[in-house]
Protein backbone atom coordinates (compact mmCIF):
# COMPACT_ATOMS: atom_id res chain seq x y z
CA MET A 1 97.00 98.86 106.59
CA MET A 2 99.71 96.19 106.44
CA MET A 3 99.50 95.52 110.17
CA THR A 4 96.08 93.93 109.79
CA VAL A 5 97.65 90.88 108.13
CA GLY A 6 99.42 89.98 111.30
CA VAL A 7 96.70 90.14 113.91
CA LEU A 8 94.89 87.05 112.68
CA ILE A 9 97.75 84.67 112.12
CA TRP A 10 98.78 82.67 115.13
CA VAL A 11 96.57 81.36 117.94
CA VAL A 12 97.97 78.37 119.77
CA GLY A 13 95.36 75.66 120.14
CA VAL A 14 92.63 77.65 118.41
CA ALA A 15 92.97 76.27 114.90
CA SER A 16 91.04 73.02 115.31
CA GLY A 17 88.56 74.12 118.00
CA LEU A 18 87.60 77.69 117.26
CA ARG A 19 83.97 76.92 116.54
CA GLU A 20 83.52 75.23 119.94
CA ARG A 21 84.50 78.33 121.87
CA PRO A 22 81.59 80.03 123.63
CA GLU A 23 82.74 83.40 122.24
CA TRP A 24 82.46 82.02 118.71
CA ARG A 25 79.01 80.56 119.33
CA ALA A 26 77.80 83.85 120.77
CA LEU A 27 78.93 85.62 117.62
CA GLU A 28 77.17 83.04 115.42
CA ALA A 29 73.90 83.67 117.25
CA HIS A 30 74.38 87.44 117.11
CA ALA A 31 75.13 87.27 113.36
CA GLU A 32 71.62 85.99 112.65
CA GLU A 33 70.23 89.10 114.27
CA MET A 34 72.58 91.38 112.34
CA LYS A 35 71.82 89.73 109.00
CA ALA A 36 68.22 90.84 109.46
CA THR A 37 69.25 94.43 110.29
CA HIS A 38 69.71 96.82 107.36
CA LEU A 39 72.61 99.27 107.25
CA ARG A 40 70.08 101.93 106.31
CA GLU A 41 68.88 101.82 109.91
CA LEU A 42 72.30 101.46 111.50
CA VAL A 43 73.86 104.53 109.89
CA GLU A 44 71.10 106.77 111.29
CA ASP A 45 72.18 105.99 114.87
CA GLU A 46 74.40 108.96 115.73
CA GLU A 47 75.77 107.49 118.96
CA ARG A 48 76.66 104.23 117.21
CA CYS A 49 78.42 106.09 114.38
CA ALA A 50 80.49 108.08 116.88
CA ARG A 51 81.62 104.93 118.66
CA LEU A 52 82.55 103.15 115.41
CA PHE A 53 85.26 105.71 114.63
CA LEU A 54 88.97 105.34 115.36
CA GLU A 55 91.92 107.69 115.36
CA GLY A 56 95.33 106.22 114.60
CA PRO A 57 98.82 107.70 114.69
CA CYS A 58 99.58 111.02 113.01
CA GLY A 59 96.14 111.97 111.84
CA LEU A 60 94.90 108.68 110.40
CA VAL A 61 91.18 108.00 110.94
CA VAL A 62 89.01 104.92 110.36
CA ASP A 63 85.22 105.10 110.07
CA TYR A 64 83.60 101.68 110.19
CA ALA A 65 80.03 102.80 110.85
CA ARG A 66 79.01 101.23 107.53
CA GLN A 67 80.05 97.77 108.64
CA LYS A 68 77.16 95.54 109.73
CA VAL A 69 78.12 95.79 113.37
CA THR A 70 76.82 97.40 116.53
CA THR A 71 78.65 98.19 119.73
CA ARG A 72 77.40 94.80 120.96
CA THR A 73 78.99 93.11 117.93
CA MET A 74 82.31 94.75 118.75
CA GLU A 75 82.06 93.68 122.40
CA LEU A 76 81.64 90.08 121.27
CA LEU A 77 84.53 90.36 118.80
CA PHE A 78 86.81 91.86 121.45
CA GLY A 79 85.80 88.98 123.70
CA LEU A 80 86.89 86.53 121.02
CA ALA A 81 90.23 88.33 120.67
CA LYS A 82 90.78 88.15 124.42
CA SER A 83 89.86 84.49 124.48
CA CYS A 84 92.42 83.85 121.72
CA GLU A 85 95.03 85.89 123.64
CA VAL A 86 95.72 88.07 120.62
CA MET A 87 97.64 90.71 122.55
CA ALA A 88 99.80 88.16 124.35
CA LYS A 89 100.66 86.59 121.01
CA ARG A 90 101.45 90.02 119.63
CA ASP A 91 103.94 90.42 122.48
CA ARG A 92 105.56 87.07 121.68
CA MET A 93 106.07 88.21 118.10
CA MET A 94 107.52 91.54 119.19
CA ARG A 95 109.95 89.74 121.52
CA GLY A 96 111.29 87.74 118.60
CA GLU A 97 110.03 84.30 119.57
CA ARG A 98 109.98 81.70 116.79
CA ILE A 99 106.30 81.89 115.93
CA ASN A 100 106.76 80.88 112.26
CA THR A 101 106.42 77.23 113.22
CA SER A 102 106.73 75.51 109.83
CA GLU A 103 110.03 77.25 109.07
CA ASP A 104 111.15 77.58 112.72
CA ARG A 105 111.82 81.31 112.41
CA ALA A 106 111.12 84.49 114.30
CA VAL A 107 108.93 87.15 112.68
CA LEU A 108 110.91 90.32 113.25
CA HIS A 109 109.48 92.68 110.65
CA ALA A 110 109.17 95.44 113.25
CA ALA A 111 112.97 95.38 113.58
CA LEU A 112 113.19 96.66 110.01
CA ARG A 113 111.82 100.00 111.20
CA SER A 114 113.72 100.14 114.48
CA SER A 115 117.00 102.00 114.75
CA ARG A 116 117.73 99.88 117.82
CA ASP A 117 118.85 96.93 115.67
CA SER A 118 122.44 97.70 114.65
CA ARG A 119 122.43 95.17 111.76
CA VAL A 120 119.32 96.71 110.23
CA GLU A 121 120.43 100.28 110.76
CA ALA A 122 123.78 99.56 109.09
CA VAL A 123 121.99 98.28 105.98
CA VAL A 124 119.58 101.22 105.99
CA GLU A 125 122.45 103.72 106.13
CA LYS A 126 124.26 101.84 103.37
CA ILE A 127 121.13 101.98 101.18
CA LEU A 128 120.49 105.67 101.76
CA LYS A 129 124.11 106.65 101.11
CA PHE A 130 124.24 104.58 97.92
CA ALA A 131 120.92 105.92 96.64
CA GLU A 132 121.89 109.53 97.18
CA GLY A 133 125.20 108.90 95.43
CA VAL A 134 123.38 107.49 92.41
CA ARG A 135 120.78 110.28 92.36
CA SER A 136 123.36 113.06 92.71
CA GLY A 137 125.66 111.63 90.05
CA ASP A 138 128.52 111.07 92.50
CA LEU A 139 128.26 107.33 91.84
CA ARG A 140 128.62 106.54 88.15
CA THR A 141 129.20 103.64 85.80
CA ALA A 142 132.71 102.42 85.03
CA ALA A 143 132.53 104.47 81.84
CA GLY A 144 131.79 107.62 83.81
CA ASP A 145 128.11 107.90 82.87
CA ALA A 146 125.54 109.12 85.38
CA PHE A 147 122.65 106.73 85.95
CA ALA A 148 119.36 107.69 84.29
CA ALA A 149 117.18 104.68 85.14
CA VAL A 150 116.73 101.78 87.55
CA LEU A 151 115.48 98.32 86.58
CA VAL A 152 114.29 96.31 89.61
CA VAL A 153 114.31 92.57 88.89
CA GLY A 154 112.19 90.57 91.33
CA ILE A 155 108.84 88.87 91.65
CA GLY A 156 106.15 88.40 94.29
CA GLY A 157 107.04 90.28 97.45
CA SER A 158 110.19 91.62 95.83
CA GLN A 159 107.99 93.40 93.29
CA LEU A 160 104.45 94.07 94.55
CA GLY A 161 105.20 95.94 97.77
CA PRO A 162 108.23 97.83 96.45
CA GLU A 163 106.42 98.82 93.26
CA PHE A 164 103.40 100.07 95.20
CA VAL A 165 105.62 102.30 97.34
CA VAL A 166 107.74 103.58 94.45
CA ARG A 167 104.72 104.42 92.29
CA ALA A 168 103.21 106.34 95.19
CA LEU A 169 106.25 108.48 95.97
CA GLU A 170 108.63 108.55 92.99
CA ASP A 171 109.89 111.79 91.47
CA ALA A 172 111.38 112.32 88.00
CA ARG A 173 115.05 112.13 89.01
CA LEU A 174 115.47 108.47 87.97
CA GLU A 175 113.05 106.42 85.90
CA THR A 176 112.29 103.26 87.88
CA ARG A 177 110.82 100.14 86.31
CA PHE A 178 110.01 96.69 87.65
CA LEU A 179 110.52 93.35 85.92
CA GLY A 180 108.75 90.29 87.33
CA ASN A 181 107.40 87.88 84.73
CA VAL A 182 109.86 86.14 82.42
CA ASP A 183 108.02 87.36 79.30
CA ALA A 184 108.08 91.05 80.25
CA PHE A 185 111.72 91.88 79.53
CA GLU A 186 111.21 93.84 76.31
CA VAL A 187 108.42 95.92 77.82
CA ALA A 188 110.38 96.65 81.00
CA THR A 189 113.52 97.75 79.15
CA ARG A 190 111.91 99.56 76.22
CA GLY A 191 113.52 102.97 75.75
CA LEU A 192 116.12 102.48 78.48
CA ASP A 193 119.83 102.98 77.79
CA PRO A 194 121.73 99.94 79.12
CA ARG A 195 124.84 102.08 79.51
CA ARG A 196 123.03 104.27 82.07
CA THR A 197 120.72 101.77 83.79
CA LEU A 198 121.26 100.36 87.26
CA VAL A 199 119.90 96.81 87.69
CA VAL A 200 118.71 95.84 91.16
CA VAL A 201 118.20 92.07 91.58
CA SER A 202 115.99 91.20 94.58
CA SER A 203 115.65 87.62 95.80
CA LYS A 204 116.11 86.38 99.35
CA SER A 205 117.58 83.07 98.21
CA PHE A 206 118.93 84.39 94.89
CA THR A 207 117.54 81.22 93.31
CA THR A 208 113.97 82.29 92.38
CA THR A 209 113.50 80.92 88.87
CA GLU A 210 111.81 83.92 87.24
CA THR A 211 114.10 86.43 88.93
CA MET A 212 117.34 84.70 88.04
CA ARG A 213 116.30 84.10 84.43
CA ASN A 214 115.49 87.81 84.07
CA ALA A 215 118.67 88.76 85.92
CA GLU A 216 120.84 86.78 83.52
CA ARG A 217 119.05 88.36 80.60
CA ALA A 218 119.56 91.80 82.14
CA LYS A 219 123.31 91.16 82.40
CA ALA A 220 123.43 90.26 78.71
CA TRP A 221 121.39 93.38 77.89
CA LEU A 222 123.88 95.50 79.82
CA GLY A 223 126.59 94.23 77.47
CA GLY A 224 127.77 90.96 78.96
CA GLY A 225 131.12 90.36 80.58
CA ASP A 226 131.88 92.36 83.69
CA VAL A 227 128.89 94.63 84.23
CA SER A 228 129.19 94.71 88.01
CA ASP A 229 129.31 98.52 87.97
CA ARG A 230 125.63 98.47 86.96
CA VAL A 231 124.32 95.51 89.03
CA VAL A 232 123.52 95.31 92.74
CA GLY A 233 121.66 92.68 94.75
CA CYS A 234 119.19 92.51 97.64
CA SER A 235 119.43 89.08 99.21
CA ALA A 236 120.14 86.96 102.26
CA SER A 237 122.84 85.03 100.33
CA ARG A 238 126.14 86.88 100.05
CA GLU A 239 127.79 83.96 98.22
CA LYS A 240 125.22 83.86 95.43
CA VAL A 241 125.18 87.63 94.97
CA GLU A 242 128.97 87.71 94.64
CA ALA A 243 128.96 84.71 92.29
CA PHE A 244 126.38 86.45 90.12
CA GLY A 245 128.71 89.40 89.69
CA ALA A 246 126.89 92.18 91.54
CA SER A 247 129.06 95.00 92.86
CA ARG A 248 127.11 95.48 96.10
CA LEU A 249 124.91 93.47 98.43
CA PHE A 250 122.11 95.11 100.40
CA GLU A 251 121.31 92.42 102.90
CA PHE A 252 118.07 91.23 104.40
CA TRP A 253 117.47 88.16 106.53
CA ASP A 254 115.60 84.87 106.60
CA TRP A 255 113.16 86.25 109.16
CA VAL A 256 111.84 88.68 106.54
CA GLY A 257 109.22 87.03 104.31
CA GLY A 258 109.21 88.30 100.75
CA ARG A 259 105.73 89.83 100.93
CA PHE A 260 106.72 91.65 104.12
CA SER A 261 109.90 93.14 102.66
CA ALA A 262 108.62 96.58 101.58
CA THR A 263 110.60 98.04 104.49
CA ALA A 264 113.60 95.75 103.97
CA SER A 265 116.23 96.26 101.27
CA PRO A 266 114.04 94.98 98.36
CA GLY A 267 111.59 97.81 99.05
CA LEU A 268 113.76 100.45 100.66
CA LEU A 269 116.48 100.53 97.98
CA PRO A 270 114.10 101.12 95.02
CA LEU A 271 112.24 103.74 97.06
CA ALA A 272 115.43 105.59 98.02
CA LEU A 273 116.58 105.54 94.38
CA ALA A 274 113.18 106.66 93.06
CA ALA A 275 112.26 109.23 95.70
CA GLY A 276 115.39 110.00 97.70
CA ALA A 277 116.86 109.10 101.06
CA ASP A 278 114.64 111.52 102.96
CA ALA A 279 111.49 109.91 101.55
CA ALA A 280 112.79 106.42 102.38
CA ARG A 281 113.65 107.37 105.95
CA LYS A 282 110.25 108.96 106.49
CA PHE A 283 108.54 105.89 105.07
CA LEU A 284 110.31 103.80 107.72
CA ASP A 285 109.30 106.31 110.37
CA GLY A 286 105.66 105.96 109.37
CA ALA A 287 105.81 102.17 109.59
CA ALA A 288 107.53 102.46 112.98
CA ALA A 289 104.71 104.71 114.22
CA VAL A 290 102.21 101.98 113.37
CA ASP A 291 104.38 99.36 115.08
CA ALA A 292 104.28 101.51 118.21
CA HIS A 293 100.51 101.99 117.94
CA PHE A 294 99.98 98.25 117.51
CA ALA A 295 102.25 97.46 120.47
CA GLU A 296 100.77 100.05 122.83
CA ALA A 297 97.15 100.89 121.94
CA PRO A 298 94.43 99.15 123.96
CA LEU A 299 92.53 96.38 122.23
CA GLU A 300 89.37 98.40 121.60
CA ARG A 301 91.24 101.36 120.04
CA ASN A 302 93.92 99.34 118.24
CA VAL A 303 93.35 100.01 114.54
CA PRO A 304 95.00 96.84 113.15
CA VAL A 305 93.16 94.65 115.63
CA VAL A 306 89.79 96.25 114.85
CA LEU A 307 90.35 95.87 111.10
CA ALA A 308 91.30 92.24 111.62
CA LEU A 309 88.22 91.50 113.73
CA LEU A 310 85.96 93.10 111.12
CA GLY A 311 87.52 90.79 108.55
CA VAL A 312 86.72 87.74 110.68
CA TRP A 313 83.17 89.01 111.23
CA ASN A 314 82.54 89.45 107.51
CA LYS A 315 84.19 86.20 106.47
CA ASN A 316 83.12 83.75 109.15
CA PHE A 317 79.83 85.15 110.43
CA LEU A 318 78.29 87.08 107.52
CA ASP A 319 79.63 84.63 104.88
CA LEU A 320 81.27 87.38 102.81
CA CYS A 321 84.36 85.76 101.32
CA CYS A 322 85.67 88.64 99.19
CA ARG A 323 86.92 92.16 99.90
CA ALA A 324 87.57 95.05 97.54
CA VAL A 325 90.34 97.57 98.24
CA VAL A 326 89.75 100.91 96.51
CA PRO A 327 92.27 103.72 97.08
CA TYR A 328 91.10 107.11 95.81
CA ALA A 329 94.56 108.13 94.59
CA ALA A 330 96.05 107.27 91.22
CA ARG A 331 99.48 106.96 92.79
CA LEU A 332 98.22 104.04 94.87
CA ALA A 333 97.31 102.00 91.79
CA ARG A 334 99.49 99.08 92.91
CA PHE A 335 98.27 99.13 96.51
CA PRO A 336 95.41 96.62 95.95
CA ALA A 337 97.82 94.08 94.41
CA HIS A 338 100.11 94.45 97.41
CA VAL A 339 97.21 93.91 99.83
CA GLN A 340 96.02 90.99 97.72
CA GLN A 341 99.33 89.20 98.17
CA LEU A 342 99.52 90.01 101.87
CA GLU A 343 96.05 88.57 102.51
CA MET A 344 95.85 85.65 100.11
CA GLU A 345 99.39 84.32 100.46
CA SER A 346 99.45 84.87 104.22
CA ASN A 347 96.00 83.65 105.17
CA GLY A 348 95.08 81.28 102.36
CA LYS A 349 95.60 78.26 104.63
CA SER A 350 93.56 75.25 105.69
CA VAL A 351 95.48 73.73 108.63
CA GLY A 352 96.47 75.03 112.04
CA ALA A 353 99.94 76.41 112.66
CA ASN A 354 100.71 74.22 115.66
CA ASP A 355 98.54 71.11 115.59
CA HIS A 356 98.51 70.86 111.74
CA ARG A 357 94.90 69.75 111.89
CA GLN A 358 92.22 70.85 109.44
CA LEU A 359 90.66 74.18 110.40
CA ASP A 360 87.05 73.98 111.53
CA VAL A 361 86.35 77.44 110.11
CA PRO A 362 87.44 78.81 106.71
CA ALA A 363 90.35 81.26 106.65
CA GLY A 364 91.44 83.95 104.20
CA GLU A 365 89.65 86.32 101.85
CA ILE A 366 89.64 86.90 98.11
CA VAL A 367 91.03 90.42 97.68
CA PHE A 368 90.84 92.55 94.55
CA GLY A 369 90.77 96.24 93.74
CA GLU A 370 91.61 99.20 91.56
CA PRO A 371 91.95 102.93 92.21
CA GLY A 372 88.77 104.97 92.41
CA THR A 373 87.16 106.26 90.30
CA ASP A 374 88.49 103.75 87.75
CA ALA A 375 87.03 100.98 89.91
CA GLN A 376 83.59 102.58 89.72
CA HIS A 377 83.66 102.14 85.94
CA SER A 378 84.91 98.57 86.26
CA PHE A 379 83.30 96.47 89.01
CA PHE A 380 81.10 98.77 91.10
CA GLN A 381 77.99 97.72 89.18
CA PHE A 382 78.58 94.25 90.65
CA LEU A 383 79.14 95.69 94.13
CA HIS A 384 75.83 97.58 94.01
CA ALA A 385 73.61 95.02 92.30
CA ALA A 386 75.03 91.52 92.69
CA SER A 387 76.57 89.68 95.65
CA PRO A 388 77.63 91.87 98.60
CA VAL A 389 81.38 92.48 98.84
CA PRO A 390 82.85 94.51 101.73
CA VAL A 391 84.91 97.45 100.49
CA ASP A 392 87.88 99.23 102.07
CA PHE A 393 87.82 102.85 100.83
CA VAL A 394 91.16 104.64 101.23
CA GLY A 395 91.44 108.39 100.77
CA PHE A 396 93.32 111.56 101.63
CA LEU A 397 92.09 114.82 103.12
CA ARG A 398 94.23 117.03 100.92
CA GLY A 399 95.58 116.77 97.37
CA THR A 400 97.78 118.75 95.01
CA ASP A 401 94.96 119.87 92.68
CA ALA A 402 92.11 121.15 94.88
CA ALA A 403 89.38 120.96 92.23
CA ALA A 404 90.33 117.48 91.06
CA HIS A 405 90.68 116.32 94.63
CA ASP A 406 87.21 117.61 95.47
CA ASP A 407 85.77 115.60 92.57
CA LEU A 408 87.64 112.50 93.70
CA SER A 409 86.61 112.96 97.33
CA ALA A 410 82.96 113.47 96.40
CA ASN A 411 82.99 109.98 94.93
CA LEU A 412 84.93 108.61 97.89
CA PHE A 413 82.25 109.82 100.31
CA ALA A 414 79.26 109.02 98.07
CA GLN A 415 80.01 105.40 97.25
CA PRO A 416 79.98 104.02 100.83
CA ASP A 417 76.54 105.57 101.40
CA ALA A 418 75.23 104.34 98.06
CA LEU A 419 76.38 100.82 98.92
CA ALA A 420 74.98 100.96 102.45
CA ILE A 421 71.65 102.71 101.86
CA GLY A 422 70.71 101.78 98.29
CA THR A 423 67.69 103.35 96.61
CA PRO A 424 64.31 104.25 98.13
CA GLU A 425 61.90 101.35 98.60
CA ASP A 426 58.81 103.37 97.66
CA GLY A 427 58.28 101.61 94.35
CA THR A 428 58.81 104.70 92.22
CA LEU A 429 61.88 103.30 90.43
CA PRO A 430 61.81 100.55 87.80
CA PRO A 431 63.39 97.26 88.96
CA TYR A 432 66.61 97.79 87.02
CA LYS A 433 67.21 101.04 88.92
CA ARG A 434 66.54 99.60 92.36
CA PHE A 435 69.47 98.73 94.59
CA ALA A 436 68.98 96.97 97.89
CA GLY A 437 71.96 98.54 99.66
CA ASP A 438 73.09 96.84 102.89
CA ARG A 439 76.62 96.45 101.43
CA PRO A 440 79.28 96.92 104.17
CA SER A 441 82.37 99.11 103.83
CA LEU A 442 84.81 101.12 105.87
CA THR A 443 86.67 104.34 105.11
CA ILE A 444 90.31 105.05 105.98
CA LEU A 445 91.52 108.63 105.64
CA PHE A 446 95.08 109.94 105.76
CA PRO A 447 95.92 113.65 105.97
CA ARG A 448 97.77 113.84 102.66
CA LEU A 449 99.56 112.02 99.87
CA GLU A 450 101.29 114.74 97.89
CA PRO A 451 103.73 113.69 95.16
CA ARG A 452 106.94 115.62 95.23
CA SER A 453 107.89 118.09 92.50
CA ALA A 454 110.72 116.88 90.29
CA ARG A 455 112.09 120.40 90.08
CA CYS A 456 112.18 121.05 93.81
CA PRO A 457 111.93 117.63 95.44
CA PHE A 458 112.59 118.33 99.12
CA ARG A 459 111.61 121.98 99.60
CA ASP A 460 107.84 121.69 99.99
CA ASN A 461 107.22 122.20 103.69
CA ASN A 462 104.13 119.99 103.51
CA PHE A 463 105.72 117.15 101.58
CA PRO A 464 107.85 115.38 104.19
CA THR A 465 104.81 114.52 106.28
CA ASN A 466 103.41 112.37 103.50
CA HIS A 467 105.98 109.62 103.45
CA PRO A 468 105.36 108.42 106.98
CA ARG A 469 101.66 108.20 106.22
CA LEU A 470 102.25 105.88 103.29
CA GLY A 471 104.39 103.77 105.60
CA ARG A 472 101.46 103.66 107.99
CA SER A 473 99.07 102.55 105.24
CA SER A 474 101.34 99.70 104.24
CA ARG A 475 102.03 98.63 107.80
CA PHE A 476 98.38 98.69 108.95
CA THR A 477 97.53 96.27 106.15
CA ASN A 478 100.32 93.91 107.13
CA ILE A 479 99.47 93.74 110.81
CA ALA A 480 95.72 93.45 110.34
CA ARG A 481 96.17 90.46 108.02
CA ARG A 482 98.60 88.85 110.45
CA SER A 483 96.30 89.46 113.40
CA ARG A 484 93.40 87.75 111.69
CA GLY A 485 95.36 84.77 110.39
CA ALA A 486 97.83 83.79 113.04
CA TRP A 487 96.15 84.95 116.18
CA LEU A 488 92.46 84.21 115.51
CA TRP A 489 92.24 81.57 112.79
CA GLY A 490 95.33 79.88 114.23
CA ILE A 491 97.17 79.44 110.93
CA ASN A 492 100.79 80.17 109.99
CA SER A 493 100.53 83.39 107.98
CA TRP A 494 104.27 83.54 107.30
CA ASP A 495 104.83 80.51 105.08
CA GLN A 496 103.57 79.86 101.54
CA MET A 497 103.68 76.11 100.97
CA GLY A 498 101.12 76.23 98.17
CA VAL A 499 103.43 78.52 96.21
CA GLU A 500 106.29 76.09 96.79
CA LEU A 501 104.16 73.17 95.50
CA GLY A 502 103.52 75.04 92.27
CA LYS A 503 107.23 75.79 91.85
CA THR A 504 108.14 72.11 92.28
CA LEU A 505 105.61 70.96 89.69
CA ALA A 506 106.73 73.67 87.26
CA ALA A 507 110.35 72.56 87.50
CA THR A 508 109.38 68.94 86.71
CA ILE A 509 107.18 69.92 83.78
CA ARG A 510 109.82 72.27 82.36
CA ALA A 511 112.36 69.44 82.28
CA HIS A 512 109.76 67.29 80.53
CA ILE A 513 109.13 70.02 77.92
CA GLN A 514 112.83 70.33 77.14
CA ALA A 515 113.14 66.58 76.72
CA ALA A 516 110.16 66.53 74.38
CA LYS A 517 111.45 69.42 72.26
CA SER A 518 114.83 67.75 71.82
CA SER A 519 113.34 64.34 70.99
CA SER A 520 114.24 62.89 67.59
CA THR A 521 110.70 61.54 67.18
CA THR A 522 107.67 63.53 66.10
CA ASP A 523 105.55 62.29 68.99
CA GLY A 524 106.37 65.19 71.32
CA VAL A 525 105.62 64.72 74.98
CA VAL A 526 103.73 61.50 74.38
CA ALA A 527 107.04 59.75 73.62
CA GLN A 528 108.59 60.86 76.92
CA PRO A 529 108.25 58.93 80.20
CA ALA A 530 105.58 60.70 82.21
CA PRO A 531 106.21 61.88 85.76
CA ALA A 532 103.96 60.11 88.23
CA MET A 533 101.82 63.18 88.90
CA MET A 534 101.11 63.95 85.24
CA ASN A 535 97.53 63.15 84.30
CA PRO A 536 96.19 62.56 80.77
CA SER A 537 94.83 66.09 80.50
CA THR A 538 98.21 67.64 81.34
CA ARG A 539 99.99 65.27 78.95
CA ARG A 540 97.66 66.27 76.13
CA LEU A 541 98.24 70.01 76.70
CA LEU A 542 102.00 69.52 76.91
CA ASP A 543 101.99 67.47 73.72
CA ILE A 544 100.24 70.32 71.89
CA TYR A 545 102.74 72.78 73.35
CA ALA A 546 105.79 70.67 72.43
CA ARG A 547 104.59 70.12 68.87
CA ALA A 548 103.96 73.85 68.40
CA ASN A 549 107.45 74.71 69.63
CA ARG A 550 109.35 72.09 67.63
CA ASP A 551 109.36 74.56 64.74
CA ASP A 552 112.36 76.09 66.51
CA ARG A 553 114.47 73.18 65.28
CA GLY A 554 112.60 72.47 62.05
CA GLY A 555 110.22 69.83 63.37
CA SER A 556 106.52 69.49 62.84
CA SER A 557 104.14 72.27 63.81
CA LEU A 558 100.77 72.06 65.47
CA SER A 559 99.00 72.89 62.23
CA SER A 560 100.77 70.08 60.38
CA SER A 561 100.32 67.41 63.03
């Protein structure tokens, strides 16, 4: 699903005039008709249901018959895509043109899955060889100990995508944990033996505040001094990795955004360590298959493009600003968080990529989710009875435990119909048991996601086919988001300036906190010169915080102030 992120990102000249386009106006008029049409009627149209069904690479299928669309809706959406020259812009991206305008960079994520790029392939081979050496025990610590665990230190895209993939495919050979937040160190390292733990530090710049603070703490936990035998880095900065004292660098490049790095070294190295080189290679193969589908499939049968257009339809024409992602597989528990970052960091923008003018239509969606059936016991009551929220259901045709998988799949197939159809309108049910239905969803099915056996990791004849499919899931999401943001809404889906703003403010406030805590007065922050952007509310909160933390040096506490 990762490919969907891309389809909507970059449309030259569209950002500030999208609403004036005749294709857009036609869709607005058509939307009024569709709002008055209930899904209960639409899903009974057999010909329509057959036409709203897609087959992707290697057995993937998408059923979007429960979206509030008809074949006429799709014709209008395809017309919008053609008007915005989505496929031509896709080709510009694939050629490596500098379409990330704010940072003046190419967007070459597809190169990460292509063996044609010698730089990338060299890093991939280096990762796979290293991972197999660690897993087999051929590569050991300086003391001669075999590694028993991996601690991946990184945040944002260096954590969410890699953790999703590792949790989906890991075996029991090496315990793999992730450390993102600065207050999670004890939890992440609990029960691990520092003498037998490999620390992987992932940061493109090797300056990310949370990552480097945790990395320094990890070095101290390893024993301090020269611990390079147990520390490696994934980064674009060789100098900083060497200065930090890591024994190896697994490079990635400035044209790889953090949230798109699941197939770069920050994602591939943890996966190869947790699941083996064969799994990592097949994951890349799956992503490459989606790249090929996206590059070659016609507009009307192009899965990422269709997913992207449905997102625009729901957001801009049906006024549905949220989307739930519900994978019916416990091993995909971190998939919704990965999709959330891809969508909300990529497409949460308000100005055009090229003219930098305010958008005349809102962009981006609020994305949330949990695995089914856990999600059904969490927020599905809201989905059925409160405001409509489109749902992406993700499932698998086969599982390891047939009976359990049948139970899971029964829910997977029942919930979309329950949301779409609702309860009978014959008046026989009390009001609190009536549900209006007409809630849109789509269902994505993959042939299989079968976790490998720890005892016999690579001997299941069915198992190798699963890794490419996970790669396809991740990649479809990426491209569909990009298609919607950059190529329809006309925004730059590859930067994250709002994140950078927050980092800048945090650095200023942290310096202010330290000054207040070291002050010889008892007035806390109030006694310190205030930065220009600090308002009275922020100053009051920081004063309370500083007073509470002055106990560290014997000062007054909040309770005594």
